[in-house]
Amino acid sequence: MKINHLISSFLIALLVLLSCSNESSKVEPELVVSTNELNIDKEGVIQSFYVKSNLDWTISSSGDWCSITPASGTAGTNKIELVVNENTTTEKRTAELTVTAGGINKIITINQDKTDLINISNGQYNIESSEQQISVQLETSDDFTVTIDVDWIVQNSLKALTDSTITFTVSENNSYLDRVGKISFTLNDITETAIVKQGGVDISIPEDKTGMESDAMTLASKMIVGWNIGNTMEVPTGETDWGNPMVNQQLIDGVKNAGFNAIRIPCAWNSYIVDEETYKISDEWLVRVKEVIDYCYNADMYIVLNIHWDGGWLENYPLYSYQEAVNEKQYALWSQIATYFRDYDEHLLFAGTNEVHEDGVYTTPTSENIEVQESYNQTFIDAVRATGGKNAYRNLVIQTYNTNIYWGYDYHTMSTDVVEDRLFVEVHYYDPYNFCLNTGSNAESTWEDDGQIDDAFSKVKSKYVDNGIPAILGEYGVVIRDNLSGEAFTQAETSRYNYYKKINQAAKQNGIITFAWDIGIRDNNGMKLFDRTNGEVTDVDIVEAIMSGVE
């Protein structure tokens, strides 16, 4: 019995031992993923994550827009590559990646942003000057913001920012200038813009010939001799910034008392534009120009008002690549100038440009240069005539290329006009250059009549005056050589006197009206005939030479 008991105890112990051995040989499943959630941009992505397991594992995706490589593997740490396609829908989307190993599941959630959508059915609205309602139809995926860059467009109330149609009120445009506004619709980083172009009121009024009876040749016969208010109203940064005081009535009266009955006002406009979209000119500047014109009217003077150098936007670009933009601006500016001064009688003439030439190029112009420069003349005429009233009959002044007499003679073609015999032509003359303007080492202080002035002016007469087109010599002059002294200075002054007299004698003989250039400075290389503050003559000899020439 004792032996049997011992055997039984041994067997029981052995069974317990075997049982413990089997229990310790079982593997505990392990599954770890490096992330539980991934947030993906709408553009999609290729991204990696890791799976660690001590057993074989598999991965499955609930979305066909998510793919995994590899989709299964063995024990260890494994790098998984996830490819998420672009989400082109307007809804956010979610997929689940299920990782399984030994009965354990791990879920990785994939969240992907939607594609924002905002479309407008019409990107541009062209409307009349009266108050208008416009409706913008939209297709959008979410809330959006509306911004308007002008105060004359107002958004009407709407129920929700996802409404498919939004209405706006465009107020009446009381100006004769067209205007442009922008309505922008923004959803996150997407912006759609509607352009609103509103026309101005019709600036044309019925033709009015009152006070405009003189045609060009008749008016020219009334203009004896002229003078330039140079380096003043044409200064881009302000009337006094080149050293001259503001123009006043005493100056104009002094010019008239000296024998002049015409004044040319070189004028800047570009730097006084307050709206680059419409080219609107500052009201304050128009008022100031009017004051100066009124000074001239008070003195019973004839006035030639132009767009001068003006920073070069018009003067320096007779090129095809600039033609359209320059003509647009030229038309806009002259529409305003002509309308503002429309009620003035025939004493006021408009001159479309100044010395239009390719910047820095003084050689013979190309056919392109001539064609484009003459288009600027034509645009000027068309803009002025379109305003109606007295402008339908106003005498206008157009220019030859660079106001050069010889290039005018060889290449210039007169612009067309809706009214007959109301055009002047303008040329300038500073020859010989070394005597008239040169301040360098080649400058010459003396001059003798060699017949060049007669030759040049006779060409103006034969091409224009003899054909019923009066001519203006808009600029001419000789700088003062105050650096000289003694006999050299006396000879220089005598030459200067003779030159001014000859210019005016030859001009009168050939039917040309002269306008002496004057920069208001007497210093060396200056030109100054009058004290700009009180109108007193400061260069008595030259004024005498001019008046002697036109007798």
Protein backbone atom coordinates (compact mmCIF):
# COMPACT_ATOMS: atom_id res chain seq x y z
CA MET A 1 0.00 0.00 0.00
CA LYS A 2 2.80 2.31 0.82
CA ILE A 3 4.44 1.72 -2.54
CA ASN A 4 1.18 2.39 -4.34
CA HIS A 5 0.80 5.62 -2.45
CA LEU A 6 4.28 6.76 -3.46
CA ILE A 7 3.60 6.01 -7.12
CA SER A 8 0.36 7.95 -6.99
CA SER A 9 2.07 10.96 -5.46
CA PHE A 10 4.80 10.87 -8.13
CA LEU A 11 2.29 10.75 -10.95
CA ILE A 12 0.34 13.67 -9.53
CA ALA A 13 3.51 15.75 -9.21
CA LEU A 14 4.51 14.89 -12.76
CA LEU A 15 1.13 15.95 -14.12
CA VAL A 16 1.37 19.25 -12.25
CA LEU A 17 4.86 19.83 -13.65
CA LEU A 18 3.78 19.08 -17.20
CA SER A 19 0.79 21.35 -16.80
CA CYS A 20 2.99 24.24 -15.68
CA SER A 21 5.41 23.61 -18.54
CA ASN A 22 2.62 23.85 -21.18
CA GLU A 23 1.24 27.02 -19.58
CA SER A 24 4.62 28.79 -19.72
CA SER A 25 5.16 27.85 -23.41
CA LYS A 26 2.04 29.85 -24.62
CA VAL A 27 2.91 33.30 -26.51
CA GLU A 28 1.10 36.46 -25.36
CA PRO A 29 -0.06 38.36 -28.57
CA GLU A 30 1.38 41.88 -28.95
CA LEU A 31 0.23 44.57 -31.45
CA VAL A 32 1.33 48.22 -31.41
CA VAL A 33 0.70 50.93 -34.07
CA SER A 34 2.64 54.21 -34.21
CA THR A 35 -0.48 56.36 -34.59
CA ASN A 36 -4.18 56.10 -34.00
CA GLU A 37 -5.24 58.96 -36.27
CA LEU A 38 -3.93 60.80 -39.31
CA ASN A 39 -5.27 64.11 -40.63
CA ILE A 40 -4.57 64.57 -44.32
CA ASP A 41 -4.86 67.67 -46.54
CA LYS A 42 -7.23 67.59 -49.47
CA GLU A 43 -4.31 67.26 -51.89
CA GLY A 44 -3.55 63.75 -50.59
CA VAL A 45 -0.28 62.36 -49.33
CA ILE A 46 2.17 59.47 -49.22
CA GLN A 47 2.94 58.90 -45.57
CA SER A 48 4.52 56.21 -43.39
CA PHE A 49 3.61 54.68 -40.05
CA TYR A 50 4.78 51.59 -38.15
CA VAL A 51 3.26 48.31 -36.95
CA LYS A 52 5.00 46.28 -34.23
CA SER A 53 3.77 42.75 -33.48
CA ASN A 54 5.09 39.42 -32.24
CA LEU A 55 2.70 37.62 -34.58
CA ASP A 56 1.77 37.70 -38.21
CA TRP A 57 -0.51 40.68 -38.97
CA THR A 58 -2.78 42.11 -41.68
CA ILE A 59 -4.14 45.58 -42.55
CA SER A 60 -7.35 46.44 -44.38
CA SER A 61 -8.82 49.82 -45.44
CA SER A 62 -12.46 50.81 -45.41
CA GLY A 63 -11.91 53.40 -48.16
CA ASP A 64 -10.76 52.74 -51.70
CA TRP A 65 -9.02 56.13 -51.68
CA CYS A 66 -6.56 54.82 -49.07
CA SER A 67 -4.06 52.12 -50.02
CA ILE A 68 -1.49 50.38 -47.82
CA THR A 69 1.77 48.70 -48.68
CA PRO A 70 2.40 46.03 -47.46
CA ALA A 71 -1.06 44.80 -46.44
CA SER A 72 0.33 41.96 -44.29
CA GLY A 73 3.55 40.88 -42.62
CA THR A 74 5.34 38.79 -40.04
CA ALA A 75 6.44 39.46 -36.50
CA GLY A 76 8.68 42.44 -35.94
CA THR A 77 8.56 46.18 -36.52
CA ASN A 78 7.30 46.97 -40.01
CA LYS A 79 7.18 50.26 -41.93
CA ILE A 80 3.85 50.76 -43.68
CA GLU A 81 3.38 53.17 -46.58
CA LEU A 82 0.01 54.86 -46.80
CA VAL A 83 -1.16 56.49 -50.04
CA VAL A 84 -4.14 58.85 -49.75
CA ASN A 85 -5.57 60.11 -53.02
CA GLU A 86 -6.60 63.74 -53.58
CA ASN A 87 -10.06 64.56 -52.32
CA THR A 88 -11.79 66.38 -55.18
CA THR A 89 -15.17 66.33 -53.48
CA THR A 90 -16.64 69.12 -51.40
CA GLU A 91 -17.15 66.84 -48.38
CA LYS A 92 -14.68 65.77 -45.73
CA ARG A 93 -14.14 62.02 -45.66
CA THR A 94 -12.97 59.40 -43.17
CA ALA A 95 -11.61 55.88 -43.57
CA GLU A 96 -10.48 53.28 -41.03
CA LEU A 97 -7.41 51.11 -41.29
CA THR A 98 -7.87 47.87 -39.31
CA VAL A 99 -4.67 46.16 -38.17
CA THR A 100 -5.17 42.57 -36.91
CA ALA A 101 -2.75 40.20 -35.17
CA GLY A 102 -3.60 37.15 -33.00
CA GLY A 103 -7.16 38.24 -32.49
CA ILE A 104 -6.18 41.81 -31.58
CA ASN A 105 -7.48 44.70 -33.70
CA LYS A 106 -6.08 48.22 -33.83
CA ILE A 107 -7.95 50.99 -35.65
CA ILE A 108 -6.19 53.91 -37.37
CA THR A 109 -8.58 56.68 -38.41
CA ILE A 110 -7.77 58.62 -41.59
CA ASN A 111 -9.42 62.06 -41.86
CA GLN A 112 -9.10 64.03 -45.10
CA ASP A 113 -10.09 67.64 -45.78
CA LYS A 114 -12.59 68.51 -48.48
CA THR A 115 -11.94 70.60 -51.57
CA ASP A 116 -13.32 74.10 -51.12
CA LEU A 117 -15.54 75.28 -53.92
CA ILE A 118 -16.63 78.77 -54.81
CA ASN A 119 -17.59 79.69 -58.35
CA ILE A 120 -19.35 82.75 -59.70
CA SER A 121 -21.40 82.53 -62.85
CA ASN A 122 -20.34 85.91 -64.23
CA GLY A 123 -17.01 87.61 -63.65
CA GLN A 124 -17.85 91.00 -65.15
CA TYR A 125 -20.84 93.32 -65.09
CA ASN A 126 -21.03 96.28 -67.47
CA ILE A 127 -23.76 98.65 -66.37
CA GLU A 128 -25.05 102.13 -67.14
CA SER A 129 -24.57 105.21 -64.99
CA SER A 130 -28.00 105.02 -63.30
CA GLU A 131 -28.53 103.12 -60.02
CA GLN A 132 -28.51 99.41 -60.76
CA GLN A 133 -29.15 96.09 -59.01
CA ILE A 134 -26.87 93.23 -59.91
CA SER A 135 -27.22 89.59 -58.88
CA VAL A 136 -24.24 87.32 -58.54
CA GLN A 137 -24.95 83.60 -58.69
CA LEU A 138 -22.56 81.39 -56.78
CA GLU A 139 -21.80 77.74 -56.31
CA THR A 140 -20.08 77.23 -52.97
CA SER A 141 -19.23 74.44 -50.58
CA ASP A 142 -19.16 76.42 -47.35
CA ASP A 143 -19.50 79.80 -45.72
CA PHE A 144 -17.59 82.59 -47.43
CA THR A 145 -16.82 86.27 -46.95
CA VAL A 146 -17.67 89.16 -49.25
CA THR A 147 -15.42 92.20 -49.64
CA ILE A 148 -16.05 95.26 -51.82
CA ASP A 149 -13.26 97.69 -52.68
CA VAL A 150 -15.45 100.74 -53.38
CA ASP A 151 -18.16 102.53 -51.42
CA TRP A 152 -20.59 102.88 -54.33
CA ILE A 153 -21.39 99.15 -54.35
CA VAL A 154 -23.42 97.89 -51.36
CA GLN A 155 -24.29 94.28 -50.56
CA ASN A 156 -27.97 93.72 -49.92
CA SER A 157 -29.07 91.58 -46.96
CA LEU A 158 -28.92 87.81 -47.31
CA LYS A 159 -30.15 84.97 -45.18
CA ALA A 160 -26.98 82.91 -45.11
CA LEU A 161 -23.49 83.12 -46.45
CA THR A 162 -24.11 79.99 -48.48
CA ASP A 163 -26.96 81.54 -50.46
CA SER A 164 -26.63 80.77 -54.16
CA THR A 165 -27.55 84.31 -55.25
CA ILE A 166 -26.43 87.59 -53.71
CA THR A 167 -27.67 90.97 -54.86
CA PHE A 168 -25.84 94.28 -54.75
CA THR A 169 -26.91 97.87 -55.25
CA VAL A 170 -24.68 100.00 -57.45
CA SER A 171 -25.32 103.68 -56.83
CA GLU A 172 -25.75 106.24 -59.59
CA ASN A 173 -22.54 107.47 -61.19
CA ASN A 174 -22.89 111.24 -61.46
CA SER A 175 -19.44 111.65 -62.99
CA TYR A 176 -18.73 111.58 -66.70
CA LEU A 177 -15.89 109.15 -65.98
CA ASP A 178 -16.35 105.41 -66.09
CA ARG A 179 -15.53 103.64 -62.85
CA VAL A 180 -14.56 100.14 -61.80
CA GLY A 181 -15.30 98.24 -58.60
CA LYS A 182 -14.45 94.74 -57.41
CA ILE A 183 -16.59 92.33 -55.39
CA SER A 184 -14.54 89.47 -53.96
CA PHE A 185 -15.91 86.20 -52.57
CA THR A 186 -13.45 84.32 -50.38
CA LEU A 187 -13.59 80.80 -48.99
CA ASN A 188 -10.44 79.95 -47.08
CA ASP A 189 -7.64 80.35 -49.65
CA ILE A 190 -9.92 80.64 -52.69
CA THR A 191 -11.12 84.00 -53.98
CA GLU A 192 -13.40 84.70 -56.91
CA THR A 193 -13.82 88.29 -58.06
CA ALA A 194 -16.58 89.99 -59.99
CA ILE A 195 -15.62 93.19 -61.81
CA VAL A 196 -18.26 95.91 -62.00
CA LYS A 197 -17.71 98.50 -64.72
CA GLN A 198 -20.13 101.39 -64.56
CA GLY A 199 -20.30 103.98 -67.28
CA GLY A 200 -20.31 107.68 -66.56
CA VAL A 201 -23.03 110.09 -67.49
CA ASP A 202 -23.05 111.24 -71.08
CA ILE A 203 -20.70 114.22 -71.15
CA SER A 204 -21.78 115.42 -74.54
CA ILE A 205 -24.05 118.42 -74.74
CA PRO A 206 -25.54 120.10 -77.83
CA GLU A 207 -23.13 122.02 -80.01
CA ASP A 208 -22.78 125.71 -79.18
CA LYS A 209 -21.06 128.07 -81.61
CA THR A 210 -21.59 131.17 -79.48
CA GLY A 211 -18.25 132.90 -79.05
CA MET A 212 -16.59 130.33 -81.32
CA GLU A 213 -17.16 131.99 -84.68
CA SER A 214 -13.50 132.18 -85.77
CA ASP A 215 -12.06 129.32 -87.76
CA ALA A 216 -8.37 128.50 -87.36
CA MET A 217 -6.98 130.98 -89.89
CA THR A 218 -9.24 133.76 -88.63
CA LEU A 219 -8.27 133.11 -85.03
CA ALA A 220 -4.59 132.97 -85.95
CA SER A 221 -4.86 136.43 -87.44
CA LYS A 222 -5.95 137.72 -84.03
CA MET A 223 -2.98 136.19 -82.20
CA ILE A 224 -0.01 138.55 -82.48
CA VAL A 225 2.75 137.04 -80.37
CA GLY A 226 2.89 134.71 -77.38
CA TRP A 227 4.85 133.78 -74.26
CA ASN A 228 5.23 130.56 -72.22
CA ILE A 229 4.66 130.27 -68.47
CA GLY A 230 7.51 127.75 -68.41
CA ASN A 231 8.71 125.61 -65.50
CA THR A 232 5.57 126.32 -63.55
CA MET A 233 2.24 124.62 -64.17
CA GLU A 234 3.96 121.66 -65.85
CA VAL A 235 6.11 120.80 -62.81
CA PRO A 236 4.98 117.28 -61.79
CA THR A 237 5.53 117.83 -58.08
CA GLY A 238 3.89 121.23 -57.78
CA GLU A 239 3.67 124.66 -59.36
CA THR A 240 6.47 126.25 -57.32
CA ASP A 241 8.88 123.31 -57.07
CA TRP A 242 11.19 124.50 -59.86
CA GLY A 243 11.79 127.87 -58.29
CA ASN A 244 8.96 130.02 -59.60
CA PRO A 245 6.19 131.60 -57.53
CA MET A 246 2.56 130.82 -58.16
CA VAL A 247 1.16 132.53 -61.23
CA ASN A 248 -0.78 135.68 -60.36
CA GLN A 249 -2.78 138.37 -62.13
CA GLN A 250 0.07 140.90 -61.95
CA LEU A 251 2.31 138.60 -63.98
CA ILE A 252 -0.25 138.12 -66.72
CA ASP A 253 -1.05 141.84 -66.80
CA GLY A 254 2.65 142.60 -67.14
CA VAL A 255 2.98 140.20 -70.06
CA LYS A 256 0.00 141.83 -71.76
CA ASN A 257 1.36 145.33 -71.16
CA ALA A 258 4.65 144.30 -72.77
CA GLY A 259 2.82 143.62 -76.04
CA PHE A 260 2.01 139.91 -75.89
CA ASN A 261 -1.58 138.84 -76.47
CA ALA A 262 -1.22 135.06 -76.21
CA ILE A 263 0.03 132.75 -73.48
CA ARG A 264 0.92 129.09 -73.67
CA ILE A 265 0.35 127.18 -70.42
CA PRO A 266 2.48 124.01 -70.31
CA CYS A 267 0.59 121.87 -67.83
CA ALA A 268 1.01 118.69 -65.81
CA TRP A 269 -1.92 116.34 -65.21
CA ASN A 270 -0.56 112.88 -64.47
CA SER A 271 0.66 113.70 -60.97
CA TYR A 272 -2.77 115.12 -60.14
CA ILE A 273 -4.64 111.91 -60.94
CA VAL A 274 -6.53 110.75 -57.85
CA ASP A 275 -7.94 107.50 -59.28
CA GLU A 276 -5.69 105.37 -61.47
CA GLU A 277 -8.62 103.25 -62.61
CA THR A 278 -10.51 106.15 -64.20
CA TYR A 279 -7.65 108.70 -64.43
CA LYS A 280 -9.77 111.20 -62.52
CA ILE A 281 -8.00 114.52 -62.15
CA SER A 282 -7.99 116.24 -58.76
CA ASP A 283 -10.75 118.81 -58.48
CA GLU A 284 -8.33 121.13 -56.68
CA TRP A 285 -5.91 121.05 -59.60
CA LEU A 286 -8.64 121.81 -62.13
CA VAL A 287 -9.67 124.76 -59.99
CA ARG A 288 -6.08 126.04 -59.91
CA VAL A 289 -5.65 125.73 -63.68
CA LYS A 290 -8.92 127.59 -64.09
CA GLU A 291 -7.60 130.42 -61.92
CA VAL A 292 -4.60 130.83 -64.21
CA ILE A 293 -6.76 130.70 -67.33
CA ASP A 294 -9.04 133.32 -65.80
CA TYR A 295 -6.04 135.60 -65.20
CA CYS A 296 -5.39 135.39 -68.93
CA TYR A 297 -9.04 136.00 -69.80
CA ASN A 298 -9.08 139.03 -67.54
CA ALA A 299 -6.21 140.42 -69.61
CA ASP A 300 -7.97 139.57 -72.90
CA MET A 301 -5.27 137.06 -73.84
CA TYR A 302 -5.47 133.99 -76.03
CA ILE A 303 -4.49 130.81 -74.21
CA VAL A 304 -3.00 127.52 -75.39
CA LEU A 305 -3.41 124.81 -72.71
CA ASN A 306 -1.67 121.48 -73.20
CA ILE A 307 -0.58 118.19 -71.67
CA HIS A 308 3.14 118.84 -71.39
CA TRP A 309 5.97 116.44 -70.54
CA ASP A 310 3.91 115.16 -67.60
CA GLY A 311 6.48 112.66 -66.41
CA GLY A 312 6.91 111.14 -69.85
CA TRP A 313 3.93 108.73 -69.93
CA LEU A 314 2.69 110.37 -73.15
CA GLU A 315 5.76 112.15 -74.46
CA ASN A 316 8.30 109.32 -74.43
CA TYR A 317 6.42 106.35 -75.88
CA PRO A 318 5.40 106.57 -79.57
CA LEU A 319 5.56 102.77 -79.74
CA TYR A 320 3.03 100.08 -80.61
CA SER A 321 3.55 98.37 -77.26
CA TYR A 322 2.35 101.50 -75.42
CA GLN A 323 -0.18 102.81 -77.93
CA GLU A 324 -3.37 101.35 -76.53
CA ALA A 325 -2.67 102.23 -72.90
CA VAL A 326 -1.48 105.75 -73.70
CA ASN A 327 -4.47 106.46 -75.92
CA GLU A 328 -6.84 105.26 -73.20
CA LYS A 329 -5.28 107.65 -70.72
CA GLN A 330 -5.04 110.45 -73.28
CA TYR A 331 -8.75 110.14 -74.01
CA ALA A 332 -9.70 110.06 -70.32
CA LEU A 333 -7.65 113.13 -69.43
CA TRP A 334 -8.77 115.23 -72.38
CA SER A 335 -12.39 114.27 -71.78
CA GLN A 336 -12.10 115.79 -68.32
CA ILE A 337 -10.06 118.84 -69.30
CA ALA A 338 -12.33 119.63 -72.23
CA THR A 339 -15.50 119.18 -70.19
CA TYR A 340 -14.26 121.32 -67.32
CA PHE A 341 -13.30 124.22 -69.61
CA ARG A 342 -16.07 123.67 -72.16
CA ASP A 343 -17.84 126.99 -71.56
CA TYR A 344 -14.82 129.17 -72.40
CA ASP A 345 -14.98 130.95 -75.74
CA GLU A 346 -12.51 130.90 -78.62
CA HIS A 347 -9.77 132.62 -76.60
CA LEU A 348 -8.97 129.18 -75.18
CA LEU A 349 -7.24 126.63 -77.41
CA PHE A 350 -6.28 123.09 -76.40
CA ALA A 351 -3.00 121.49 -77.51
CA GLY A 352 -2.97 117.71 -77.32
CA THR A 353 0.66 116.89 -76.57
CA ASN A 354 4.13 118.40 -76.38
CA GLU A 355 7.33 116.95 -77.87
CA VAL A 356 6.33 113.31 -78.38
CA HIS A 357 9.40 111.25 -79.27
CA GLU A 358 10.96 107.95 -78.33
CA ASP A 359 12.80 108.47 -75.05
CA GLY A 360 16.45 109.33 -75.66
CA VAL A 361 16.19 108.84 -79.43
CA TYR A 362 16.65 111.92 -81.60
CA THR A 363 17.33 110.28 -84.95
CA THR A 364 14.90 110.13 -87.85
CA PRO A 365 11.62 108.63 -86.60
CA THR A 366 10.43 105.24 -87.78
CA SER A 367 7.08 104.64 -89.42
CA GLU A 368 5.98 103.16 -86.09
CA ASN A 369 6.98 106.34 -84.26
CA ILE A 370 5.03 108.51 -86.69
CA GLU A 371 1.94 106.30 -86.73
CA VAL A 372 1.69 106.07 -82.95
CA GLN A 373 2.45 109.76 -82.34
CA GLU A 374 -0.24 110.76 -84.79
CA SER A 375 -2.71 108.42 -83.07
CA TYR A 376 -2.16 110.46 -79.89
CA ASN A 377 -3.13 113.59 -81.85
CA GLN A 378 -6.25 111.89 -83.19
CA THR A 379 -7.32 110.63 -79.77
CA PHE A 380 -7.01 114.16 -78.41
CA ILE A 381 -9.26 115.58 -81.12
CA ASP A 382 -11.84 112.82 -80.74
CA ALA A 383 -11.99 113.25 -76.96
CA VAL A 384 -12.49 117.01 -77.11
CA ARG A 385 -15.09 116.93 -79.87
CA ALA A 386 -17.10 114.25 -78.03
CA THR A 387 -17.80 116.66 -75.17
CA GLY A 388 -19.93 118.93 -77.37
CA GLY A 389 -20.90 122.48 -76.50
CA LYS A 390 -18.30 125.05 -77.53
CA ASN A 391 -15.76 122.24 -77.84
CA ALA A 392 -17.53 121.15 -81.01
CA TYR A 393 -16.00 124.25 -82.63
CA ARG A 394 -12.96 124.94 -80.47
CA ASN A 395 -9.70 125.43 -82.33
CA LEU A 396 -7.29 122.66 -81.44
CA VAL A 397 -3.52 122.37 -81.78
CA ILE A 398 -1.76 119.17 -82.88
CA GLN A 399 1.97 118.55 -83.06
CA THR A 400 4.50 117.18 -85.53
CA TYR A 401 6.79 114.38 -84.35
CA ASN A 402 8.92 115.88 -81.54
CA THR A 403 7.55 119.24 -82.80
CA ASN A 404 10.34 119.06 -85.36
CA ILE A 405 9.82 121.24 -88.43
CA TYR A 406 11.70 119.04 -90.88
CA TRP A 407 10.14 115.78 -89.70
CA GLY A 408 6.79 117.48 -89.85
CA TYR A 409 7.46 118.55 -93.41
CA ASP A 410 8.60 115.06 -94.42
CA TYR A 411 6.27 112.77 -92.46
CA HIS A 412 3.38 114.52 -90.76
CA THR A 413 -0.21 113.89 -91.83
CA MET A 414 -3.01 116.08 -90.50
CA SER A 415 -5.53 114.40 -88.25
CA THR A 416 -9.16 114.09 -89.25
CA ASP A 417 -11.78 116.29 -87.64
CA VAL A 418 -15.57 116.37 -87.65
CA VAL A 419 -15.55 120.14 -88.13
CA GLU A 420 -13.69 121.91 -90.91
CA ASP A 421 -10.84 124.40 -90.53
CA ARG A 422 -10.45 124.24 -86.75
CA LEU A 423 -6.94 122.77 -86.44
CA PHE A 424 -3.57 124.44 -85.86
CA VAL A 425 -0.22 122.68 -86.11
CA GLU A 426 2.58 123.21 -83.58
CA VAL A 427 6.34 123.08 -84.08
CA HIS A 428 9.29 124.13 -81.89
CA TYR A 429 12.64 125.61 -82.91
CA TYR A 430 15.91 125.65 -80.95
CA ASP A 431 18.44 125.69 -83.77
CA PRO A 432 21.35 125.89 -83.87
CA TYR A 433 21.36 123.79 -80.70
CA ASN A 434 24.88 124.77 -79.63
CA PHE A 435 23.84 128.41 -79.58
CA CYS A 436 20.31 128.09 -78.24
CA LEU A 437 20.52 125.43 -75.54
CA ASN A 438 23.90 123.73 -75.23
CA THR A 439 25.53 124.31 -71.86
CA GLY A 440 28.48 121.97 -72.41
CA SER A 441 31.91 122.36 -73.92
CA ASN A 442 30.49 122.75 -77.44
CA ALA A 443 28.28 125.68 -76.49
CA GLU A 444 28.42 128.72 -78.75
CA SER A 445 27.66 132.21 -77.52
CA THR A 446 27.40 134.01 -80.86
CA TRP A 447 25.16 133.57 -83.88
CA GLU A 448 24.94 134.85 -87.42
CA ASP A 449 21.98 134.47 -89.72
CA ASP A 450 22.83 131.72 -92.18
CA GLY A 451 19.39 131.34 -93.71
CA GLN A 452 18.39 128.24 -91.72
CA ILE A 453 15.50 129.98 -89.98
CA ASP A 454 14.08 131.20 -93.28
CA ASP A 455 14.45 127.73 -94.78
CA ALA A 456 12.73 126.01 -91.86
CA PHE A 457 9.88 128.48 -91.57
CA SER A 458 9.24 128.47 -95.31
CA LYS A 459 8.62 124.73 -95.05
CA VAL A 460 6.01 125.35 -92.37
CA LYS A 461 4.36 127.91 -94.62
CA SER A 462 4.32 125.73 -97.73
CA LYS A 463 3.01 122.62 -95.98
CA TYR A 464 0.54 124.16 -93.56
CA VAL A 465 -0.15 127.89 -93.78
CA ASP A 466 -0.54 127.93 -97.56
CA ASN A 467 -3.09 125.12 -97.17
CA GLY A 468 -5.24 126.94 -94.64
CA ILE A 469 -3.65 125.42 -91.53
CA PRO A 470 -2.19 128.03 -89.17
CA ALA A 471 1.03 127.23 -87.36
CA ILE A 472 2.24 127.90 -83.84
CA LEU A 473 5.90 128.04 -82.92
CA GLY A 474 5.16 126.78 -79.43
CA GLU A 475 8.70 127.16 -78.11
CA TYR A 476 11.94 128.87 -79.07
CA GLY A 477 14.65 130.72 -77.17
CA VAL A 478 18.31 131.21 -76.33
CA VAL A 479 19.89 130.70 -72.91
CA ILE A 480 21.61 133.61 -71.20
CA ARG A 481 25.43 133.28 -71.07
CA ASP A 482 25.96 135.05 -67.76
CA ASN A 483 29.23 133.19 -67.27
CA LEU A 484 30.77 135.52 -69.85
CA SER A 485 32.01 139.05 -69.25
CA GLY A 486 33.28 142.05 -71.14
CA GLU A 487 33.23 141.94 -74.91
CA ALA A 488 32.34 138.24 -74.97
CA PHE A 489 29.18 138.91 -72.99
CA THR A 490 28.29 141.90 -75.17
CA GLN A 491 28.63 139.80 -78.32
CA ALA A 492 26.54 137.02 -76.78
CA GLU A 493 23.76 139.45 -75.86
CA THR A 494 23.85 141.03 -79.32
CA SER A 495 23.55 137.60 -80.91
CA ARG A 496 20.71 136.71 -78.62
CA TYR A 497 18.88 139.93 -79.52
CA ASN A 498 19.38 139.34 -83.24
CA TYR A 499 18.19 135.75 -82.96
CA TYR A 500 14.92 136.63 -81.20
CA LYS A 501 14.26 139.40 -83.71
CA LYS A 502 14.99 137.14 -86.67
CA ILE A 503 12.77 134.35 -85.35
CA ASN A 504 9.84 136.71 -85.09
CA GLN A 505 10.47 138.45 -88.40
CA ALA A 506 10.65 135.14 -90.25
CA ALA A 507 7.66 133.78 -88.37
CA LYS A 508 5.52 136.76 -89.28
CA GLN A 509 6.57 136.54 -92.93
CA ASN A 510 5.53 132.88 -92.99
CA GLY A 511 2.30 133.19 -91.02
CA ILE A 512 3.57 131.56 -87.81
CA ILE A 513 2.60 132.68 -84.28
CA THR A 514 5.53 132.52 -81.87
CA PHE A 515 5.59 131.71 -78.16
CA ALA A 516 8.90 132.53 -76.43
CA TRP A 517 10.09 129.95 -73.92
CA ASP A 518 10.75 131.30 -70.41
CA ILE A 519 11.83 129.30 -67.36
CA GLY A 520 11.68 132.23 -64.93
CA ILE A 521 15.39 132.05 -64.05
CA ARG A 522 17.95 134.72 -65.04
CA ASP A 523 21.08 132.83 -63.90
CA ASN A 524 23.63 131.48 -66.37
CA ASN A 525 21.87 129.28 -68.95
CA GLY A 526 18.51 130.62 -67.87
CA MET A 527 15.68 132.26 -69.82
CA LYS A 528 13.68 134.96 -68.10
CA LEU A 529 11.73 137.83 -69.62
CA PHE A 530 9.52 138.81 -66.67
CA ASP A 531 9.61 139.06 -62.90
CA ARG A 532 7.18 136.32 -61.98
CA THR A 533 5.92 138.12 -58.89
CA ASN A 534 4.91 141.48 -60.38
CA GLY A 535 5.07 141.08 -64.16
CA GLU A 536 7.81 143.66 -64.71
CA VAL A 537 10.02 143.10 -67.75
CA THR A 538 13.45 141.83 -66.66
CA ASP A 539 14.99 141.34 -70.12
CA VAL A 540 14.08 144.59 -71.85
CA ASP A 541 16.31 144.00 -74.88
CA ILE A 542 14.82 140.62 -75.73
CA VAL A 543 11.23 141.78 -75.31
CA GLU A 544 12.12 144.71 -77.59
CA ALA A 545 13.64 142.28 -80.12
CA ILE A 546 10.46 140.18 -80.13
CA MET A 547 8.18 143.17 -80.57
CA SER A 548 10.43 144.63 -83.25
CA GLY A 549 10.27 141.34 -85.12
CA VAL A 550 6.48 141.18 -85.22
CA GLU A 551 5.93 144.83 -86.21
